């Protein structure tokens, strides 16, 4: 397999949605909301793509300050190409963009909870979320 990894390559909303669908991550992303998908792409600090013959088969999308923390908001690899080290390589390419002290942080998809410890991530059990529509008490 001749896989090419590209940093901050332009990716269209339809290409991003296609990878999300093919990886099953589309089940947890707003793939029917093109405005949100476009904003996700345009406002990411780092996007790394994995391509075969100009077809995008994997995407890592991150938001970061490059020095202290990097939120890996999406790691999507087409199901037919999974278990070939593509996800690990995408994460590695994101990591290469960061200062030595910067940590990658992510929320795992339910089916991927066993994947991340295998490649070196440490689990942290005190993560909290607050939606835009949620009110602070």
N, C-alpha and C. Protein backbone atom coordinates (compact mmCIF):
# COMPACT_ATOMS: atom_id res chain seq x y z
N UNK A 1 0.83 -1.18 0.00
CA UNK A 1 0.00 0.00 0.00
C UNK A 1 0.88 1.24 0.00
N UNK A 2 0.69 2.10 -0.96
CA UNK A 2 1.46 3.34 -1.05
C UNK A 2 0.61 4.48 -0.49
N UNK A 3 0.79 4.77 0.80
CA UNK A 3 0.00 5.80 1.48
C UNK A 3 0.82 7.08 1.57
N UNK A 4 0.19 8.18 1.19
CA UNK A 4 0.85 9.48 1.28
C UNK A 4 0.17 10.28 2.39
N UNK A 5 0.98 10.86 3.28
CA UNK A 5 0.48 11.67 4.38
C UNK A 5 0.75 13.13 4.05
N UNK A 6 -0.30 13.96 4.19
CA UNK A 6 -0.18 15.37 3.83
C UNK A 6 -0.61 16.22 5.01
N UNK A 7 0.17 17.25 5.31
CA UNK A 7 -0.11 18.17 6.39
C UNK A 7 -0.86 19.39 5.87
N UNK A 8 -1.98 19.69 6.52
CA UNK A 8 -2.79 20.87 6.21
C UNK A 8 -3.13 21.01 4.73
N UNK A 9 -3.32 19.88 4.10
CA UNK A 9 -3.77 19.83 2.71
C UNK A 9 -5.24 20.26 2.68
N UNK A 10 -5.63 21.01 1.69
CA UNK A 10 -7.04 21.38 1.58
C UNK A 10 -7.88 20.12 1.47
N UNK A 11 -8.91 20.06 2.29
CA UNK A 11 -9.86 18.96 2.25
C UNK A 11 -11.25 19.57 2.15
N UNK A 12 -12.07 19.04 1.28
CA UNK A 12 -13.42 19.57 1.13
C UNK A 12 -14.34 18.97 2.18
N UNK A 13 -15.45 19.62 2.38
CA UNK A 13 -16.45 19.10 3.32
C UNK A 13 -16.91 17.71 2.90
N UNK A 14 -17.11 17.51 1.61
CA UNK A 14 -17.59 16.20 1.14
C UNK A 14 -16.53 15.11 1.34
N UNK A 15 -15.26 15.44 1.14
CA UNK A 15 -14.19 14.46 1.39
C UNK A 15 -14.12 14.11 2.87
N UNK A 16 -14.23 15.12 3.73
CA UNK A 16 -14.20 14.90 5.17
C UNK A 16 -15.38 14.03 5.61
N UNK A 17 -16.56 14.37 5.12
CA UNK A 17 -17.76 13.59 5.46
C UNK A 17 -17.62 12.14 5.00
N UNK A 18 -17.07 11.95 3.82
CA UNK A 18 -16.88 10.59 3.29
C UNK A 18 -15.98 9.76 4.20
N UNK A 19 -14.88 10.33 4.66
CA UNK A 19 -13.98 9.60 5.57
C UNK A 19 -14.68 9.34 6.90
N UNK A 20 -15.41 10.33 7.40
CA UNK A 20 -16.13 10.13 8.65
C UNK A 20 -17.13 8.98 8.53
N UNK A 21 -17.87 8.95 7.43
CA UNK A 21 -18.84 7.86 7.20
C UNK A 21 -18.14 6.51 7.09
N UNK A 22 -17.06 6.46 6.33
CA UNK A 22 -16.36 5.19 6.08
C UNK A 22 -15.61 4.67 7.30
N UNK A 23 -15.42 5.53 8.29
CA UNK A 23 -14.71 5.11 9.50
C UNK A 23 -15.67 4.80 10.64
N UNK A 24 -16.92 5.03 10.47
CA UNK A 24 -17.99 4.96 11.47
C UNK A 24 -17.99 6.15 12.42
N UNK A 25 -17.03 7.05 12.33
CA UNK A 25 -17.04 8.24 13.18
C UNK A 25 -18.19 9.18 12.79
N UNK A 26 -18.69 9.00 11.58
CA UNK A 26 -19.82 9.80 11.12
C UNK A 26 -21.05 9.64 11.99
N UNK A 27 -21.14 8.53 12.71
CA UNK A 27 -22.27 8.30 13.62
C UNK A 27 -22.28 9.30 14.76
N UNK A 28 -21.11 9.88 15.07
CA UNK A 28 -20.97 10.80 16.19
C UNK A 28 -20.57 12.20 15.75
N UNK A 29 -20.69 12.51 14.49
CA UNK A 29 -20.34 13.82 13.97
C UNK A 29 -21.53 14.39 13.19
N UNK A 30 -21.63 15.72 13.10
CA UNK A 30 -22.78 16.35 12.44
C UNK A 30 -22.66 16.35 10.91
N UNK A 31 -22.62 15.17 10.32
CA UNK A 31 -22.34 15.06 8.88
C UNK A 31 -23.45 15.65 8.00
N UNK A 32 -24.63 15.89 8.57
CA UNK A 32 -25.72 16.50 7.80
C UNK A 32 -25.76 18.02 7.96
N UNK A 33 -24.82 18.58 8.71
CA UNK A 33 -24.76 20.02 8.96
C UNK A 33 -23.51 20.57 8.29
N UNK A 34 -23.66 20.95 7.01
CA UNK A 34 -22.50 21.38 6.22
C UNK A 34 -21.81 22.62 6.78
N UNK A 35 -22.57 23.53 7.38
CA UNK A 35 -21.98 24.72 7.97
C UNK A 35 -21.03 24.33 9.11
N UNK A 36 -21.45 23.41 9.95
CA UNK A 36 -20.61 22.96 11.06
C UNK A 36 -19.40 22.20 10.54
N UNK A 37 -19.59 21.31 9.59
CA UNK A 37 -18.46 20.55 9.02
C UNK A 37 -17.44 21.50 8.42
N UNK A 38 -17.91 22.49 7.67
CA UNK A 38 -17.01 23.48 7.07
C UNK A 38 -16.23 24.23 8.15
N UNK A 39 -16.92 24.62 9.21
CA UNK A 39 -16.26 25.31 10.32
C UNK A 39 -15.24 24.42 11.02
N UNK A 40 -15.55 23.14 11.13
CA UNK A 40 -14.61 22.19 11.75
C UNK A 40 -13.30 22.14 10.96
N UNK A 41 -13.42 22.14 9.65
CA UNK A 41 -12.24 22.09 8.79
C UNK A 41 -11.49 23.42 8.81
N UNK A 42 -12.21 24.50 8.61
CA UNK A 42 -11.57 25.82 8.50
C UNK A 42 -10.91 26.29 9.79
N UNK A 43 -11.41 25.86 10.93
CA UNK A 43 -10.89 26.33 12.21
C UNK A 43 -9.95 25.36 12.90
N UNK A 44 -9.64 24.26 12.26
CA UNK A 44 -8.67 23.33 12.83
C UNK A 44 -7.27 23.93 12.70
N UNK A 45 -6.44 23.67 13.67
CA UNK A 45 -5.05 24.14 13.61
C UNK A 45 -4.18 23.17 12.82
N UNK A 46 -4.50 21.88 12.92
CA UNK A 46 -3.73 20.85 12.21
C UNK A 46 -4.71 19.87 11.58
N UNK A 47 -4.50 19.60 10.30
CA UNK A 47 -5.22 18.52 9.62
C UNK A 47 -4.17 17.70 8.88
N UNK A 48 -4.15 16.41 9.17
CA UNK A 48 -3.27 15.50 8.45
C UNK A 48 -4.16 14.49 7.73
N UNK A 49 -3.89 14.29 6.46
CA UNK A 49 -4.66 13.32 5.68
C UNK A 49 -3.76 12.17 5.25
N UNK A 50 -4.38 11.01 5.11
CA UNK A 50 -3.73 9.84 4.54
C UNK A 50 -4.46 9.54 3.23
N UNK A 51 -3.70 9.46 2.14
CA UNK A 51 -4.32 9.24 0.84
C UNK A 51 -3.68 8.06 0.11
N UNK A 52 -4.50 7.42 -0.69
CA UNK A 52 -4.04 6.39 -1.63
C UNK A 52 -4.60 6.80 -2.98
N UNK A 53 -3.73 7.00 -3.94
CA UNK A 53 -4.16 7.41 -5.29
C UNK A 53 -5.12 8.60 -5.23
N UNK A 54 -4.78 9.61 -4.46
CA UNK A 54 -5.55 10.84 -4.31
C UNK A 54 -6.91 10.66 -3.63
N UNK A 55 -7.19 9.46 -3.10
CA UNK A 55 -8.42 9.24 -2.33
C UNK A 55 -8.04 9.33 -0.85
N UNK A 56 -8.74 10.20 -0.12
CA UNK A 56 -8.48 10.36 1.31
C UNK A 56 -9.08 9.18 2.05
N UNK A 57 -8.21 8.44 2.77
CA UNK A 57 -8.68 7.27 3.52
C UNK A 57 -8.54 7.47 5.03
N UNK A 58 -7.92 8.58 5.42
CA UNK A 58 -7.77 8.86 6.84
C UNK A 58 -7.56 10.34 7.10
N UNK A 59 -8.03 10.80 8.26
CA UNK A 59 -7.89 12.21 8.65
C UNK A 59 -7.65 12.29 10.15
N UNK A 60 -6.70 13.13 10.53
CA UNK A 60 -6.54 13.54 11.92
C UNK A 60 -6.75 15.05 11.93
N UNK A 61 -7.62 15.51 12.82
CA UNK A 61 -7.93 16.93 12.90
C UNK A 61 -7.74 17.37 14.34
N UNK A 62 -6.97 18.46 14.54
CA UNK A 62 -6.63 18.87 15.91
C UNK A 62 -6.75 20.38 16.10
N UNK A 63 -7.05 20.74 17.34
CA UNK A 63 -7.09 22.12 17.80
C UNK A 63 -5.99 22.24 18.86
N UNK A 64 -5.10 23.24 18.74
CA UNK A 64 -3.96 23.29 19.64
C UNK A 64 -3.40 24.69 19.84
N UNK A 65 -2.66 24.84 20.94
CA UNK A 65 -1.84 26.04 21.16
C UNK A 65 -0.38 25.73 20.82
N UNK A 66 -0.10 24.48 20.42
CA UNK A 66 1.20 23.98 19.98
C UNK A 66 2.24 23.86 21.10
N UNK A 67 1.93 24.32 22.29
CA UNK A 67 2.92 24.33 23.37
C UNK A 67 2.52 23.54 24.60
N UNK A 68 1.25 23.59 24.96
CA UNK A 68 0.82 22.92 26.19
C UNK A 68 -0.15 21.77 25.92
N UNK A 69 -1.16 22.04 25.09
CA UNK A 69 -2.14 20.98 24.84
C UNK A 69 -2.62 21.00 23.39
N UNK A 70 -2.95 19.82 22.94
CA UNK A 70 -3.46 19.62 21.59
C UNK A 70 -4.65 18.67 21.69
N UNK A 71 -5.82 19.15 21.33
CA UNK A 71 -7.02 18.32 21.35
C UNK A 71 -7.17 17.64 19.99
N UNK A 72 -7.00 16.35 19.97
CA UNK A 72 -7.18 15.57 18.75
C UNK A 72 -8.68 15.30 18.63
N UNK A 73 -9.35 16.15 17.90
CA UNK A 73 -10.81 16.10 17.87
C UNK A 73 -11.35 15.02 16.93
N UNK A 74 -10.61 14.66 15.92
CA UNK A 74 -11.05 13.60 15.01
C UNK A 74 -9.86 12.75 14.58
N UNK A 75 -10.03 11.45 14.67
CA UNK A 75 -9.11 10.49 14.07
C UNK A 75 -10.00 9.49 13.34
N UNK A 76 -10.00 9.58 12.04
CA UNK A 76 -10.89 8.74 11.23
C UNK A 76 -10.09 8.03 10.16
N UNK A 77 -10.21 6.71 10.14
CA UNK A 77 -9.58 5.90 9.10
C UNK A 77 -10.66 5.00 8.50
N UNK A 78 -10.76 5.03 7.20
CA UNK A 78 -11.71 4.18 6.46
C UNK A 78 -11.59 2.74 6.99
N UNK A 79 -12.73 2.14 7.31
CA UNK A 79 -12.73 0.79 7.92
C UNK A 79 -11.95 -0.24 7.11
N UNK A 80 -11.99 -0.14 5.79
CA UNK A 80 -11.30 -1.15 4.98
C UNK A 80 -9.78 -1.03 5.05
N UNK A 81 -9.28 0.09 5.61
CA UNK A 81 -7.83 0.29 5.74
C UNK A 81 -7.36 0.27 7.19
N UNK A 82 -8.27 0.04 8.12
CA UNK A 82 -7.89 0.00 9.53
C UNK A 82 -7.01 -1.21 9.83
N UNK A 83 -6.28 -1.12 10.93
CA UNK A 83 -5.35 -2.18 11.39
C UNK A 83 -4.12 -2.28 10.51
N UNK A 84 -3.75 -1.15 9.88
CA UNK A 84 -2.54 -1.08 9.07
C UNK A 84 -1.58 0.00 9.57
N UNK A 85 -1.84 0.54 10.77
CA UNK A 85 -0.96 1.55 11.33
C UNK A 85 -1.22 2.96 10.85
N UNK A 86 -2.29 3.17 10.10
CA UNK A 86 -2.59 4.48 9.53
C UNK A 86 -2.97 5.47 10.63
N UNK A 87 -3.82 5.07 11.55
CA UNK A 87 -4.22 5.95 12.64
C UNK A 87 -3.03 6.37 13.48
N UNK A 88 -2.18 5.42 13.79
CA UNK A 88 -0.97 5.70 14.57
C UNK A 88 -0.06 6.68 13.84
N UNK A 89 0.08 6.51 12.54
CA UNK A 89 0.91 7.41 11.74
C UNK A 89 0.30 8.81 11.67
N UNK A 90 -1.02 8.90 11.54
CA UNK A 90 -1.68 10.20 11.53
C UNK A 90 -1.43 10.94 12.85
N UNK A 91 -1.54 10.23 13.97
CA UNK A 91 -1.28 10.84 15.27
C UNK A 91 0.17 11.28 15.36
N UNK A 92 1.08 10.45 14.87
CA UNK A 92 2.50 10.79 14.88
C UNK A 92 2.77 12.06 14.08
N UNK A 93 2.10 12.22 12.96
CA UNK A 93 2.27 13.41 12.13
C UNK A 93 1.74 14.66 12.85
N UNK A 94 0.65 14.52 13.60
CA UNK A 94 0.15 15.63 14.41
C UNK A 94 1.19 15.95 15.48
N UNK A 95 1.68 14.93 16.15
CA UNK A 95 2.64 15.11 17.24
C UNK A 95 3.91 15.83 16.77
N UNK A 96 4.33 15.57 15.55
CA UNK A 96 5.52 16.22 15.00
C UNK A 96 5.38 17.75 14.91
N UNK A 97 4.15 18.24 14.88
CA UNK A 97 3.91 19.68 14.75
C UNK A 97 3.97 20.41 16.10
N UNK A 98 4.08 19.66 17.19
CA UNK A 98 3.93 20.22 18.53
C UNK A 98 5.26 20.41 19.24
N UNK A 99 5.29 21.37 20.16
CA UNK A 99 6.42 21.57 21.04
C UNK A 99 6.63 20.31 21.88
N UNK A 100 7.84 20.10 22.34
CA UNK A 100 8.18 18.89 23.10
C UNK A 100 7.34 18.68 24.36
N UNK A 101 6.84 19.74 24.95
CA UNK A 101 6.07 19.62 26.20
C UNK A 101 4.57 19.53 25.97
N UNK A 102 4.14 19.58 24.75
CA UNK A 102 2.72 19.58 24.41
C UNK A 102 2.14 18.16 24.48
N UNK A 103 0.98 18.02 25.12
CA UNK A 103 0.31 16.73 25.23
C UNK A 103 -0.89 16.68 24.30
N UNK A 104 -1.10 15.52 23.71
CA UNK A 104 -2.30 15.28 22.91
C UNK A 104 -3.38 14.74 23.83
N UNK A 105 -4.56 15.34 23.71
CA UNK A 105 -5.72 14.98 24.52
C UNK A 105 -6.83 14.58 23.55
N UNK A 106 -7.61 13.56 23.88
CA UNK A 106 -8.72 13.17 23.02
C UNK A 106 -9.82 12.53 23.83
N UNK A 107 -11.00 12.49 23.24
CA UNK A 107 -12.12 11.72 23.76
C UNK A 107 -12.30 10.55 22.80
N UNK A 108 -12.24 9.36 23.32
CA UNK A 108 -12.30 8.17 22.48
C UNK A 108 -13.73 7.83 22.07
N UNK A 109 -13.86 7.38 20.85
CA UNK A 109 -15.12 6.76 20.43
C UNK A 109 -15.26 5.47 21.24
N UNK A 110 -16.49 5.07 21.58
CA UNK A 110 -16.68 3.88 22.41
C UNK A 110 -15.94 2.63 21.90
N UNK A 111 -15.93 2.42 20.60
CA UNK A 111 -15.27 1.24 20.05
C UNK A 111 -13.75 1.34 20.00
N UNK A 112 -13.20 2.51 20.33
CA UNK A 112 -11.74 2.70 20.23
C UNK A 112 -11.06 2.78 21.60
N UNK A 113 -11.79 2.53 22.67
CA UNK A 113 -11.21 2.69 24.00
C UNK A 113 -10.03 1.75 24.26
N UNK A 114 -9.99 0.64 23.59
CA UNK A 114 -8.88 -0.29 23.78
C UNK A 114 -7.71 0.01 22.84
N UNK A 115 -7.95 0.78 21.80
CA UNK A 115 -6.91 1.12 20.82
C UNK A 115 -5.86 2.06 21.40
N UNK A 116 -6.30 3.12 22.03
CA UNK A 116 -5.37 4.17 22.46
C UNK A 116 -4.33 3.70 23.48
N UNK A 117 -4.68 2.90 24.49
CA UNK A 117 -3.62 2.41 25.39
C UNK A 117 -2.59 1.53 24.66
N UNK A 118 -3.03 0.82 23.64
CA UNK A 118 -2.11 -0.06 22.90
C UNK A 118 -1.03 0.73 22.17
N UNK A 119 -1.34 1.98 21.79
CA UNK A 119 -0.35 2.77 21.05
C UNK A 119 0.38 3.79 21.92
N UNK A 120 0.10 3.76 23.25
CA UNK A 120 0.89 4.59 24.15
C UNK A 120 0.16 5.68 24.92
N UNK A 121 -1.13 5.84 24.71
CA UNK A 121 -1.88 6.86 25.45
C UNK A 121 -2.14 6.39 26.88
N UNK A 122 -2.20 7.34 27.80
CA UNK A 122 -2.55 7.08 29.19
C UNK A 122 -3.97 7.57 29.42
N UNK A 123 -4.78 6.74 30.04
CA UNK A 123 -6.17 7.13 30.29
C UNK A 123 -6.25 8.12 31.45
N UNK A 124 -7.12 9.09 31.31
CA UNK A 124 -7.36 10.09 32.34
C UNK A 124 -8.86 10.08 32.61
N UNK A 125 -9.25 9.82 33.84
CA UNK A 125 -10.68 9.59 34.10
C UNK A 125 -11.44 10.79 34.65
N UNK A 126 -10.91 11.99 34.55
CA UNK A 126 -11.67 13.15 35.05
C UNK A 126 -11.91 14.18 33.94
N UNK A 127 -12.50 13.73 32.85
CA UNK A 127 -12.84 14.60 31.74
C UNK A 127 -14.29 15.05 31.90
N UNK A 128 -14.53 16.31 31.58
CA UNK A 128 -15.86 16.88 31.71
C UNK A 128 -16.20 17.63 30.43
N UNK A 129 -17.48 17.69 30.10
CA UNK A 129 -17.91 18.44 28.93
C UNK A 129 -19.06 19.38 29.30
N UNK A 130 -19.20 20.45 28.55
CA UNK A 130 -20.29 21.40 28.71
C UNK A 130 -20.67 21.87 27.32
N UNK A 131 -21.88 21.55 26.90
CA UNK A 131 -22.35 21.97 25.59
C UNK A 131 -22.69 23.45 25.56
N UNK A 132 -22.68 24.02 24.38
CA UNK A 132 -22.99 25.45 24.22
C UNK A 132 -24.37 25.77 24.74
N UNK A 133 -25.30 24.86 24.58
CA UNK A 133 -26.67 25.08 25.02
C UNK A 133 -26.85 24.81 26.51
N UNK A 134 -25.87 24.21 27.18
CA UNK A 134 -25.98 23.89 28.60
C UNK A 134 -25.73 25.14 29.45
N UNK A 135 -26.47 25.24 30.54
CA UNK A 135 -26.34 26.39 31.44
C UNK A 135 -25.44 26.02 32.62
N UNK A 136 -24.60 26.97 33.00
CA UNK A 136 -23.81 26.80 34.22
C UNK A 136 -24.73 27.02 35.41
N UNK A 137 -24.53 26.25 36.46
CA UNK A 137 -25.37 26.39 37.67
C UNK A 137 -24.90 27.52 38.54
